[in-house]
N, C-alpha and C. Protein backbone atom coordinates (compact mmCIF):
# COMPACT_ATOMS: atom_id res chain seq x y z
N UNK A 1 82.51 46.43 181.99
CA UNK A 1 81.70 47.59 182.27
C UNK A 1 82.49 48.88 182.02
N UNK A 2 83.77 48.87 182.28
CA UNK A 2 84.56 50.08 182.06
C UNK A 2 84.65 50.41 180.58
N UNK A 3 84.59 49.41 179.68
CA UNK A 3 84.61 49.66 178.24
C UNK A 3 83.36 50.42 177.81
N UNK A 4 82.22 50.07 178.39
CA UNK A 4 80.97 50.74 178.05
C UNK A 4 81.03 52.20 178.49
N UNK A 5 81.58 52.45 179.64
CA UNK A 5 81.68 53.83 180.14
C UNK A 5 82.58 54.68 179.26
N UNK A 6 83.54 54.06 178.59
CA UNK A 6 84.44 54.78 177.70
C UNK A 6 83.83 55.01 176.32
N UNK A 7 82.63 54.51 176.10
CA UNK A 7 81.97 54.72 174.82
C UNK A 7 82.20 53.61 173.82
N UNK A 8 82.74 52.52 174.26
CA UNK A 8 83.02 51.40 173.37
C UNK A 8 81.91 50.36 173.53
N UNK A 9 81.27 50.01 172.43
CA UNK A 9 80.18 49.06 172.46
C UNK A 9 80.41 48.02 171.37
N UNK A 10 80.16 46.78 171.70
CA UNK A 10 80.29 45.72 170.70
C UNK A 10 78.94 45.49 170.05
N UNK A 11 78.97 45.22 168.76
CA UNK A 11 77.74 44.94 168.04
C UNK A 11 77.98 43.78 167.09
N UNK A 12 76.89 43.23 166.61
CA UNK A 12 76.94 42.06 165.75
C UNK A 12 76.34 42.43 164.40
N UNK A 13 77.04 42.09 163.31
CA UNK A 13 76.54 42.33 161.97
C UNK A 13 76.41 40.98 161.28
N UNK A 14 75.22 40.67 160.81
CA UNK A 14 74.98 39.41 160.13
C UNK A 14 75.30 39.55 158.64
N UNK A 15 75.40 38.41 157.94
CA UNK A 15 75.72 38.42 156.51
C UNK A 15 74.73 39.25 155.69
N UNK A 16 73.48 39.24 156.08
CA UNK A 16 72.45 39.96 155.35
C UNK A 16 72.50 41.46 155.60
N UNK A 17 73.43 41.93 156.41
CA UNK A 17 73.55 43.35 156.70
C UNK A 17 72.75 43.80 157.90
N UNK A 18 72.28 42.87 158.69
CA UNK A 18 71.51 43.20 159.88
C UNK A 18 72.47 43.53 161.02
N UNK A 19 72.28 44.68 161.64
CA UNK A 19 73.12 45.11 162.76
C UNK A 19 72.34 44.91 164.05
N UNK A 20 72.93 44.20 164.99
CA UNK A 20 72.30 44.00 166.29
C UNK A 20 73.19 44.64 167.35
N UNK A 21 72.61 45.52 168.13
CA UNK A 21 73.38 46.22 169.15
C UNK A 21 72.47 46.58 170.32
N UNK A 22 73.02 46.49 171.51
CA UNK A 22 72.26 46.89 172.70
C UNK A 22 72.29 48.41 172.81
N UNK A 23 71.13 49.02 173.02
CA UNK A 23 71.02 50.47 173.12
C UNK A 23 71.10 50.93 174.57
N UNK A 24 70.65 50.09 175.48
CA UNK A 24 70.68 50.49 176.88
C UNK A 24 70.21 49.39 177.80
N UNK A 25 69.98 49.77 179.02
CA UNK A 25 69.50 48.84 180.05
C UNK A 25 68.21 49.39 180.65
N UNK A 26 67.55 48.57 181.43
CA UNK A 26 66.28 48.95 182.04
C UNK A 26 66.45 50.19 182.92
N UNK A 27 67.60 50.34 183.52
CA UNK A 27 67.83 51.47 184.43
C UNK A 27 68.04 52.80 183.70
N UNK A 28 68.20 52.78 182.38
CA UNK A 28 68.43 54.01 181.63
C UNK A 28 67.14 54.81 181.50
N UNK A 29 67.26 56.10 181.53
CA UNK A 29 66.12 56.98 181.31
C UNK A 29 65.87 57.18 179.82
N UNK A 30 64.74 57.79 179.47
CA UNK A 30 64.41 58.01 178.06
C UNK A 30 65.47 58.82 177.30
N UNK A 31 66.05 59.82 177.95
CA UNK A 31 67.06 60.65 177.29
C UNK A 31 68.31 59.84 176.98
N UNK A 32 68.72 58.99 177.92
CA UNK A 32 69.91 58.16 177.70
C UNK A 32 69.68 57.17 176.56
N UNK A 33 68.50 56.56 176.52
CA UNK A 33 68.19 55.62 175.45
C UNK A 33 68.16 56.33 174.09
N UNK A 34 67.56 57.51 174.05
CA UNK A 34 67.50 58.29 172.81
C UNK A 34 68.91 58.66 172.35
N UNK A 35 69.74 59.14 173.26
CA UNK A 35 71.11 59.52 172.91
C UNK A 35 71.90 58.33 172.37
N UNK A 36 71.76 57.18 173.02
CA UNK A 36 72.48 55.98 172.58
C UNK A 36 72.00 55.53 171.20
N UNK A 37 70.69 55.49 171.00
CA UNK A 37 70.14 55.07 169.70
C UNK A 37 70.57 56.06 168.62
N UNK A 38 70.55 57.35 168.92
CA UNK A 38 70.96 58.36 167.94
C UNK A 38 72.43 58.18 167.55
N UNK A 39 73.28 57.90 168.52
CA UNK A 39 74.70 57.70 168.23
C UNK A 39 74.91 56.47 167.34
N UNK A 40 74.14 55.42 167.59
CA UNK A 40 74.26 54.21 166.77
C UNK A 40 73.80 54.49 165.35
N UNK A 41 72.64 55.13 165.19
CA UNK A 41 72.14 55.44 163.85
C UNK A 41 73.09 56.36 163.11
N UNK A 42 73.64 57.34 163.80
CA UNK A 42 74.58 58.27 163.17
C UNK A 42 75.81 57.53 162.66
N UNK A 43 76.35 56.62 163.47
CA UNK A 43 77.53 55.85 163.07
C UNK A 43 77.23 54.97 161.87
N UNK A 44 76.05 54.35 161.84
CA UNK A 44 75.70 53.47 160.72
C UNK A 44 75.53 54.28 159.44
N UNK A 45 74.84 55.40 159.51
CA UNK A 45 74.61 56.22 158.32
C UNK A 45 75.92 56.80 157.80
N UNK A 46 76.79 57.24 158.69
CA UNK A 46 78.07 57.82 158.27
C UNK A 46 79.06 56.77 157.77
N UNK A 47 78.82 55.49 158.04
CA UNK A 47 79.71 54.42 157.58
C UNK A 47 79.40 54.00 156.15
N UNK A 48 78.42 54.63 155.52
CA UNK A 48 78.04 54.28 154.15
C UNK A 48 79.21 54.52 153.21
N UNK A 49 79.64 53.50 152.47
CA UNK A 49 80.73 53.69 151.51
C UNK A 49 80.29 54.60 150.36
N UNK A 50 81.21 55.36 149.82
CA UNK A 50 80.90 56.27 148.71
C UNK A 50 80.43 55.51 147.48
N UNK A 51 80.88 54.28 147.33
CA UNK A 51 80.51 53.48 146.15
C UNK A 51 79.11 52.87 146.26
N UNK A 52 78.50 52.96 147.42
CA UNK A 52 77.18 52.37 147.64
C UNK A 52 76.11 53.30 147.09
N UNK A 53 75.32 52.78 146.16
CA UNK A 53 74.25 53.57 145.54
C UNK A 53 72.91 53.19 146.15
N UNK A 54 71.96 54.10 146.11
CA UNK A 54 70.61 53.83 146.61
C UNK A 54 70.52 53.99 148.12
N UNK A 55 69.45 53.46 148.66
CA UNK A 55 69.22 53.56 150.12
C UNK A 55 70.16 52.63 150.87
N UNK A 56 70.85 53.16 151.84
CA UNK A 56 71.78 52.37 152.66
C UNK A 56 71.07 51.79 153.87
N UNK A 57 70.25 52.59 154.51
CA UNK A 57 69.48 52.15 155.67
C UNK A 57 68.06 51.85 155.19
N UNK A 58 67.75 50.57 155.04
CA UNK A 58 66.47 50.19 154.45
C UNK A 58 65.35 50.09 155.47
N UNK A 59 65.66 49.66 156.67
CA UNK A 59 64.64 49.58 157.72
C UNK A 59 65.32 49.63 159.08
N UNK A 60 64.54 49.99 160.09
CA UNK A 60 65.06 50.05 161.45
C UNK A 60 63.96 49.63 162.41
N UNK A 61 64.30 48.73 163.30
CA UNK A 61 63.35 48.24 164.29
C UNK A 61 64.06 48.23 165.64
N UNK A 62 63.35 48.60 166.67
CA UNK A 62 63.91 48.59 168.02
C UNK A 62 62.98 47.79 168.92
N UNK A 63 63.57 47.03 169.84
CA UNK A 63 62.74 46.21 170.74
C UNK A 63 63.50 45.92 172.02
N UNK A 64 62.75 45.50 173.01
CA UNK A 64 63.39 44.99 174.22
C UNK A 64 63.87 43.57 173.91
N UNK A 65 64.56 42.95 174.82
CA UNK A 65 65.14 41.65 174.55
C UNK A 65 64.13 40.63 174.05
N UNK A 66 63.02 40.49 174.72
CA UNK A 66 62.03 39.50 174.31
C UNK A 66 60.71 40.14 173.90
N UNK A 67 60.69 41.45 173.72
CA UNK A 67 59.46 42.15 173.39
C UNK A 67 59.24 42.28 171.90
N UNK A 68 58.09 42.77 171.52
CA UNK A 68 57.80 42.98 170.10
C UNK A 68 58.62 44.15 169.56
N UNK A 69 58.93 44.08 168.28
CA UNK A 69 59.69 45.14 167.64
C UNK A 69 58.80 46.32 167.26
N UNK A 70 59.37 47.51 167.31
CA UNK A 70 58.68 48.73 166.89
C UNK A 70 59.45 49.26 165.68
N UNK A 71 58.77 49.37 164.55
CA UNK A 71 59.42 49.83 163.32
C UNK A 71 59.61 51.34 163.38
N UNK A 72 60.80 51.78 163.01
CA UNK A 72 61.14 53.20 162.98
C UNK A 72 61.17 53.68 161.53
N UNK A 73 61.09 54.97 161.33
CA UNK A 73 61.12 55.56 159.99
C UNK A 73 62.58 55.65 159.54
N UNK A 74 63.01 54.69 158.74
CA UNK A 74 64.41 54.63 158.30
C UNK A 74 64.77 55.80 157.40
N UNK A 75 63.85 56.28 156.60
CA UNK A 75 64.12 57.41 155.72
C UNK A 75 64.42 58.67 156.55
N UNK A 76 63.62 58.91 157.57
CA UNK A 76 63.84 60.08 158.43
C UNK A 76 65.17 59.96 159.18
N UNK A 77 65.49 58.75 159.61
CA UNK A 77 66.77 58.54 160.32
C UNK A 77 67.93 58.83 159.39
N UNK A 78 67.88 58.31 158.17
CA UNK A 78 68.97 58.53 157.22
C UNK A 78 69.11 60.00 156.85
N UNK A 79 68.00 60.71 156.68
CA UNK A 79 68.05 62.13 156.32
C UNK A 79 68.64 62.98 157.44
N UNK A 80 68.39 62.58 158.67
CA UNK A 80 68.86 63.37 159.81
C UNK A 80 70.38 63.44 159.86
N UNK A 81 71.08 62.38 159.44
CA UNK A 81 72.54 62.37 159.55
C UNK A 81 73.25 62.35 158.20
N UNK A 82 72.55 62.53 157.11
CA UNK A 82 73.25 62.52 155.82
C UNK A 82 73.57 63.91 155.35
């Protein structure tokens, strides 16, 4: 728990380039969830290698652990931090 408070979060990246990361907990408010998701998207967009051509962030979906996914506008997310 102390690692999370320091801003360190573990995430999983699959071979296909899928990133899985926890954005928050049930006790988090909307602002906290938004800030966490924004930080994750910013880190992913800024990690784009210079040699990578075309769209880096192709799609984005957010969901609760067992809930349905909600598709986000990946183009708008990429433009916000590029």
